Amino acid sequence: MESTPSRSAALFLQLVLGLSQGGMIALGKLMNPVTRKVEVNLEGARDTIDTLEAIESRTRGNLEPDEARVLRQVLTDLRLNYVEELKKASSQPAGG
């Protein structure tokens, strides 16, 4: 077995990590590079999580152990941060 990831594994990880970064931007954990602001878009974050869940479901049993581990970790991180932001949003007064 190769010690370095194959090109397809590297591209898969690039896709997963790119989606993760987009999710973290939507959760306000990273600055939006376009607006240069930290913004929260819970609907966009939920869409990213749903997309990654679909990828996880559709690729189950076909991933290398490292690919599956990274995908699981990204989903865990996004889910935990999503719940945290959801709690913050629900504790804020309406209109604020």
N, C-alpha and C. Protein backbone atom coordinates (compact mmCIF):
# COMPACT_ATOMS: atom_id res chain seq x y z
N MET A 1 0.84 -1.19 0.00
CA MET A 1 0.00 0.00 0.00
C MET A 1 0.88 1.25 0.00
N GLU A 2 0.46 2.25 -0.71
CA GLU A 2 1.22 3.49 -0.79
C GLU A 2 1.16 4.23 0.54
N SER A 3 2.25 4.92 0.88
CA SER A 3 2.24 5.72 2.11
C SER A 3 1.67 7.11 1.86
N THR A 4 1.66 7.55 0.60
CA THR A 4 1.07 8.84 0.27
C THR A 4 -0.29 8.60 -0.36
N PRO A 5 -1.23 9.51 -0.09
CA PRO A 5 -2.57 9.29 -0.64
C PRO A 5 -2.58 9.36 -2.16
N SER A 6 -3.46 8.59 -2.76
CA SER A 6 -3.61 8.64 -4.21
C SER A 6 -4.19 9.99 -4.61
N ARG A 7 -4.11 10.29 -5.88
CA ARG A 7 -4.67 11.56 -6.37
C ARG A 7 -6.16 11.65 -6.06
N SER A 8 -6.89 10.55 -6.27
CA SER A 8 -8.34 10.60 -6.01
C SER A 8 -8.62 10.79 -4.52
N ALA A 9 -7.80 10.18 -3.65
CA ALA A 9 -7.98 10.37 -2.20
C ALA A 9 -7.69 11.83 -1.84
N ALA A 10 -6.64 12.39 -2.42
CA ALA A 10 -6.30 13.78 -2.14
C ALA A 10 -7.40 14.72 -2.62
N LEU A 11 -7.97 14.45 -3.78
CA LEU A 11 -9.06 15.29 -4.30
C LEU A 11 -10.31 15.15 -3.43
N PHE A 12 -10.58 13.93 -2.96
CA PHE A 12 -11.74 13.72 -2.08
C PHE A 12 -11.56 14.51 -0.78
N LEU A 13 -10.38 14.43 -0.20
CA LEU A 13 -10.12 15.16 1.04
C LEU A 13 -10.19 16.67 0.80
N GLN A 14 -9.72 17.12 -0.35
CA GLN A 14 -9.81 18.54 -0.69
C GLN A 14 -11.28 18.97 -0.76
N LEU A 15 -12.13 18.14 -1.35
CA LEU A 15 -13.56 18.44 -1.42
C LEU A 15 -14.17 18.53 -0.02
N VAL A 16 -13.89 17.52 0.81
CA VAL A 16 -14.45 17.49 2.16
C VAL A 16 -13.98 18.69 2.98
N LEU A 17 -12.69 18.98 2.91
CA LEU A 17 -12.15 20.10 3.69
C LEU A 17 -12.64 21.44 3.16
N GLY A 18 -12.84 21.55 1.85
CA GLY A 18 -13.41 22.77 1.28
C GLY A 18 -14.83 23.00 1.76
N LEU A 19 -15.63 21.93 1.77
CA LEU A 19 -16.99 22.05 2.28
C LEU A 19 -16.98 22.39 3.77
N SER A 20 -16.06 21.79 4.50
CA SER A 20 -15.93 22.08 5.93
C SER A 20 -15.63 23.56 6.15
N GLN A 21 -14.71 24.08 5.37
CA GLN A 21 -14.37 25.50 5.50
C GLN A 21 -15.59 26.38 5.20
N GLY A 22 -16.33 26.03 4.16
CA GLY A 22 -17.54 26.78 3.85
C GLY A 22 -18.56 26.72 4.97
N GLY A 23 -18.67 25.55 5.59
CA GLY A 23 -19.58 25.40 6.73
C GLY A 23 -19.14 26.25 7.90
N MET A 24 -17.85 26.28 8.17
CA MET A 24 -17.34 27.09 9.28
C MET A 24 -17.52 28.58 9.01
N ILE A 25 -17.40 28.98 7.76
CA ILE A 25 -17.68 30.37 7.40
C ILE A 25 -19.15 30.67 7.65
N ALA A 26 -20.04 29.76 7.24
CA ALA A 26 -21.47 29.96 7.45
C ALA A 26 -21.83 29.99 8.93
N LEU A 27 -21.07 29.30 9.74
CA LEU A 27 -21.32 29.29 11.19
C LEU A 27 -20.68 30.49 11.90
N GLY A 28 -20.00 31.34 11.16
CA GLY A 28 -19.37 32.51 11.76
C GLY A 28 -18.10 32.18 12.52
N LYS A 29 -17.51 31.01 12.25
CA LYS A 29 -16.28 30.61 12.92
C LYS A 29 -15.05 31.09 12.16
N LEU A 30 -15.23 31.40 10.89
CA LEU A 30 -14.16 31.93 10.05
C LEU A 30 -14.68 33.17 9.32
N MET A 31 -13.78 34.07 8.99
CA MET A 31 -14.17 35.26 8.24
C MET A 31 -14.55 34.88 6.80
N ASN A 32 -15.60 35.48 6.31
CA ASN A 32 -15.99 35.30 4.92
C ASN A 32 -14.95 36.03 4.06
N PRO A 33 -14.25 35.31 3.18
CA PRO A 33 -13.18 35.97 2.40
C PRO A 33 -13.71 36.97 1.39
N VAL A 34 -14.97 36.87 1.03
CA VAL A 34 -15.55 37.80 0.05
C VAL A 34 -15.94 39.11 0.72
N THR A 35 -16.67 39.02 1.84
CA THR A 35 -17.15 40.22 2.53
C THR A 35 -16.17 40.73 3.58
N ARG A 36 -15.20 39.90 3.92
CA ARG A 36 -14.23 40.21 4.98
C ARG A 36 -14.93 40.47 6.32
N LYS A 37 -16.04 39.78 6.54
CA LYS A 37 -16.79 39.90 7.79
C LYS A 37 -17.05 38.50 8.33
N VAL A 38 -17.28 38.44 9.63
CA VAL A 38 -17.71 37.19 10.25
C VAL A 38 -19.23 37.24 10.28
N GLU A 39 -19.87 36.32 9.57
CA GLU A 39 -21.32 36.32 9.43
C GLU A 39 -21.85 34.94 9.77
N VAL A 40 -23.05 34.88 10.31
CA VAL A 40 -23.68 33.60 10.61
C VAL A 40 -24.83 33.38 9.64
N ASN A 41 -24.81 32.22 8.98
CA ASN A 41 -25.87 31.82 8.06
C ASN A 41 -26.21 30.37 8.40
N LEU A 42 -27.12 30.19 9.36
CA LEU A 42 -27.43 28.84 9.84
C LEU A 42 -28.03 27.96 8.75
N GLU A 43 -28.81 28.54 7.86
CA GLU A 43 -29.39 27.75 6.77
C GLU A 43 -28.29 27.24 5.84
N GLY A 44 -27.33 28.09 5.52
CA GLY A 44 -26.21 27.68 4.69
C GLY A 44 -25.36 26.61 5.36
N ALA A 45 -25.16 26.77 6.67
CA ALA A 45 -24.40 25.77 7.42
C ALA A 45 -25.13 24.43 7.42
N ARG A 46 -26.46 24.46 7.61
CA ARG A 46 -27.24 23.22 7.60
C ARG A 46 -27.16 22.54 6.24
N ASP A 47 -27.19 23.33 5.16
CA ASP A 47 -27.06 22.77 3.81
C ASP A 47 -25.71 22.08 3.64
N THR A 48 -24.66 22.70 4.17
CA THR A 48 -23.32 22.09 4.07
C THR A 48 -23.26 20.79 4.84
N ILE A 49 -23.82 20.78 6.05
CA ILE A 49 -23.85 19.56 6.86
C ILE A 49 -24.64 18.47 6.13
N ASP A 50 -25.79 18.84 5.58
CA ASP A 50 -26.61 17.86 4.84
C ASP A 50 -25.85 17.30 3.64
N THR A 51 -25.11 18.16 2.94
CA THR A 51 -24.32 17.72 1.79
C THR A 51 -23.25 16.71 2.22
N LEU A 52 -22.55 17.03 3.29
CA LEU A 52 -21.51 16.12 3.79
C LEU A 52 -22.12 14.81 4.30
N GLU A 53 -23.30 14.88 4.90
CA GLU A 53 -23.99 13.66 5.34
C GLU A 53 -24.36 12.79 4.14
N ALA A 54 -24.79 13.43 3.06
CA ALA A 54 -25.12 12.69 1.84
C ALA A 54 -23.86 12.03 1.26
N ILE A 55 -22.76 12.76 1.26
CA ILE A 55 -21.50 12.19 0.77
C ILE A 55 -21.10 11.00 1.64
N GLU A 56 -21.23 11.15 2.95
CA GLU A 56 -20.89 10.06 3.87
C GLU A 56 -21.75 8.83 3.58
N SER A 57 -23.03 9.04 3.41
CA SER A 57 -23.96 7.94 3.15
C SER A 57 -23.66 7.25 1.82
N ARG A 58 -23.42 8.04 0.79
CA ARG A 58 -23.22 7.50 -0.56
C ARG A 58 -21.85 6.84 -0.75
N THR A 59 -20.88 7.19 0.10
CA THR A 59 -19.54 6.63 -0.05
C THR A 59 -19.23 5.57 1.01
N ARG A 60 -20.18 5.30 1.90
CA ARG A 60 -19.94 4.33 2.99
C ARG A 60 -19.44 3.01 2.43
N GLY A 61 -18.34 2.51 2.99
CA GLY A 61 -17.76 1.25 2.55
C GLY A 61 -16.80 1.38 1.39
N ASN A 62 -16.69 2.58 0.82
CA ASN A 62 -15.82 2.80 -0.34
C ASN A 62 -14.66 3.74 -0.06
N LEU A 63 -14.50 4.15 1.20
CA LEU A 63 -13.45 5.11 1.53
C LEU A 63 -12.28 4.41 2.21
N GLU A 64 -11.10 5.00 2.02
CA GLU A 64 -9.93 4.57 2.78
C GLU A 64 -10.17 4.98 4.24
N PRO A 65 -9.54 4.30 5.18
CA PRO A 65 -9.74 4.65 6.59
C PRO A 65 -9.50 6.13 6.91
N ASP A 66 -8.45 6.71 6.34
CA ASP A 66 -8.17 8.14 6.59
C ASP A 66 -9.26 9.04 6.02
N GLU A 67 -9.77 8.69 4.85
CA GLU A 67 -10.85 9.49 4.25
C GLU A 67 -12.09 9.44 5.13
N ALA A 68 -12.46 8.26 5.58
CA ALA A 68 -13.65 8.10 6.43
C ALA A 68 -13.46 8.84 7.75
N ARG A 69 -12.25 8.77 8.31
CA ARG A 69 -11.97 9.45 9.59
C ARG A 69 -12.09 10.96 9.44
N VAL A 70 -11.51 11.51 8.38
CA VAL A 70 -11.59 12.96 8.16
C VAL A 70 -13.05 13.38 7.95
N LEU A 71 -13.79 12.64 7.16
CA LEU A 71 -15.19 12.96 6.92
C LEU A 71 -15.99 12.93 8.22
N ARG A 72 -15.80 11.90 9.03
CA ARG A 72 -16.49 11.82 10.33
C ARG A 72 -16.12 12.98 11.23
N GLN A 73 -14.84 13.33 11.28
CA GLN A 73 -14.39 14.42 12.14
C GLN A 73 -14.95 15.77 11.69
N VAL A 74 -14.95 16.00 10.39
CA VAL A 74 -15.50 17.25 9.84
C VAL A 74 -16.99 17.35 10.20
N LEU A 75 -17.72 16.26 10.03
CA LEU A 75 -19.15 16.28 10.36
C LEU A 75 -19.37 16.52 11.85
N THR A 76 -18.58 15.88 12.69
CA THR A 76 -18.71 16.08 14.13
C THR A 76 -18.46 17.54 14.50
N ASP A 77 -17.39 18.11 13.97
CA ASP A 77 -17.06 19.50 14.26
C ASP A 77 -18.16 20.45 13.80
N LEU A 78 -18.65 20.25 12.59
CA LEU A 78 -19.70 21.12 12.07
C LEU A 78 -21.00 20.97 12.87
N ARG A 79 -21.36 19.74 13.20
CA ARG A 79 -22.60 19.52 13.98
C ARG A 79 -22.52 20.19 15.35
N LEU A 80 -21.41 20.01 16.04
CA LEU A 80 -21.26 20.62 17.37
C LEU A 80 -21.32 22.15 17.28
N ASN A 81 -20.62 22.72 16.31
CA ASN A 81 -20.64 24.17 16.15
C ASN A 81 -22.02 24.67 15.72
N TYR A 82 -22.72 23.88 14.91
CA TYR A 82 -24.07 24.26 14.48
C TYR A 82 -25.00 24.34 15.68
N VAL A 83 -24.96 23.32 16.54
CA VAL A 83 -25.81 23.31 17.73
C VAL A 83 -25.48 24.51 18.63
N GLU A 84 -24.19 24.78 18.77
CA GLU A 84 -23.76 25.93 19.59
C GLU A 84 -24.35 27.23 19.03
N GLU A 85 -24.25 27.43 17.71
CA GLU A 85 -24.77 28.65 17.10
C GLU A 85 -26.30 28.71 17.15
N LEU A 86 -26.94 27.56 17.04
CA LEU A 86 -28.40 27.49 17.14
C LEU A 86 -28.84 27.94 18.53
N LYS A 87 -28.14 27.49 19.55
CA LYS A 87 -28.45 27.89 20.93
C LYS A 87 -28.26 29.38 21.12
N LYS A 88 -27.17 29.92 20.56
CA LYS A 88 -26.91 31.37 20.66
C LYS A 88 -28.05 32.14 19.99
N ALA A 89 -28.44 31.69 18.80
CA ALA A 89 -29.49 32.40 18.05
C ALA A 89 -30.83 32.35 18.78
N SER A 90 -31.13 31.24 19.40
CA SER A 90 -32.43 31.12 20.08
C SER A 90 -32.46 31.87 21.40
N SER A 91 -31.28 32.19 21.96
CA SER A 91 -31.25 32.91 23.23
C SER A 91 -31.23 34.44 23.03
N GLN A 92 -31.05 34.86 21.78
CA GLN A 92 -31.05 36.30 21.50
C GLN A 92 -32.49 36.79 21.38
N PRO A 93 -32.74 38.02 21.84
CA PRO A 93 -34.09 38.58 21.69
C PRO A 93 -34.44 38.76 20.22
N ALA A 94 -35.71 38.66 19.90
CA ALA A 94 -36.17 38.82 18.52
C ALA A 94 -35.79 40.19 18.01
N GLY A 95 -35.31 40.21 16.76
CA GLY A 95 -34.92 41.47 16.14
C GLY A 95 -33.52 41.92 16.51
N GLY A 96 -32.80 41.13 17.32
CA GLY A 96 -31.48 41.57 17.73
C GLY A 96 -30.50 40.55 17.46
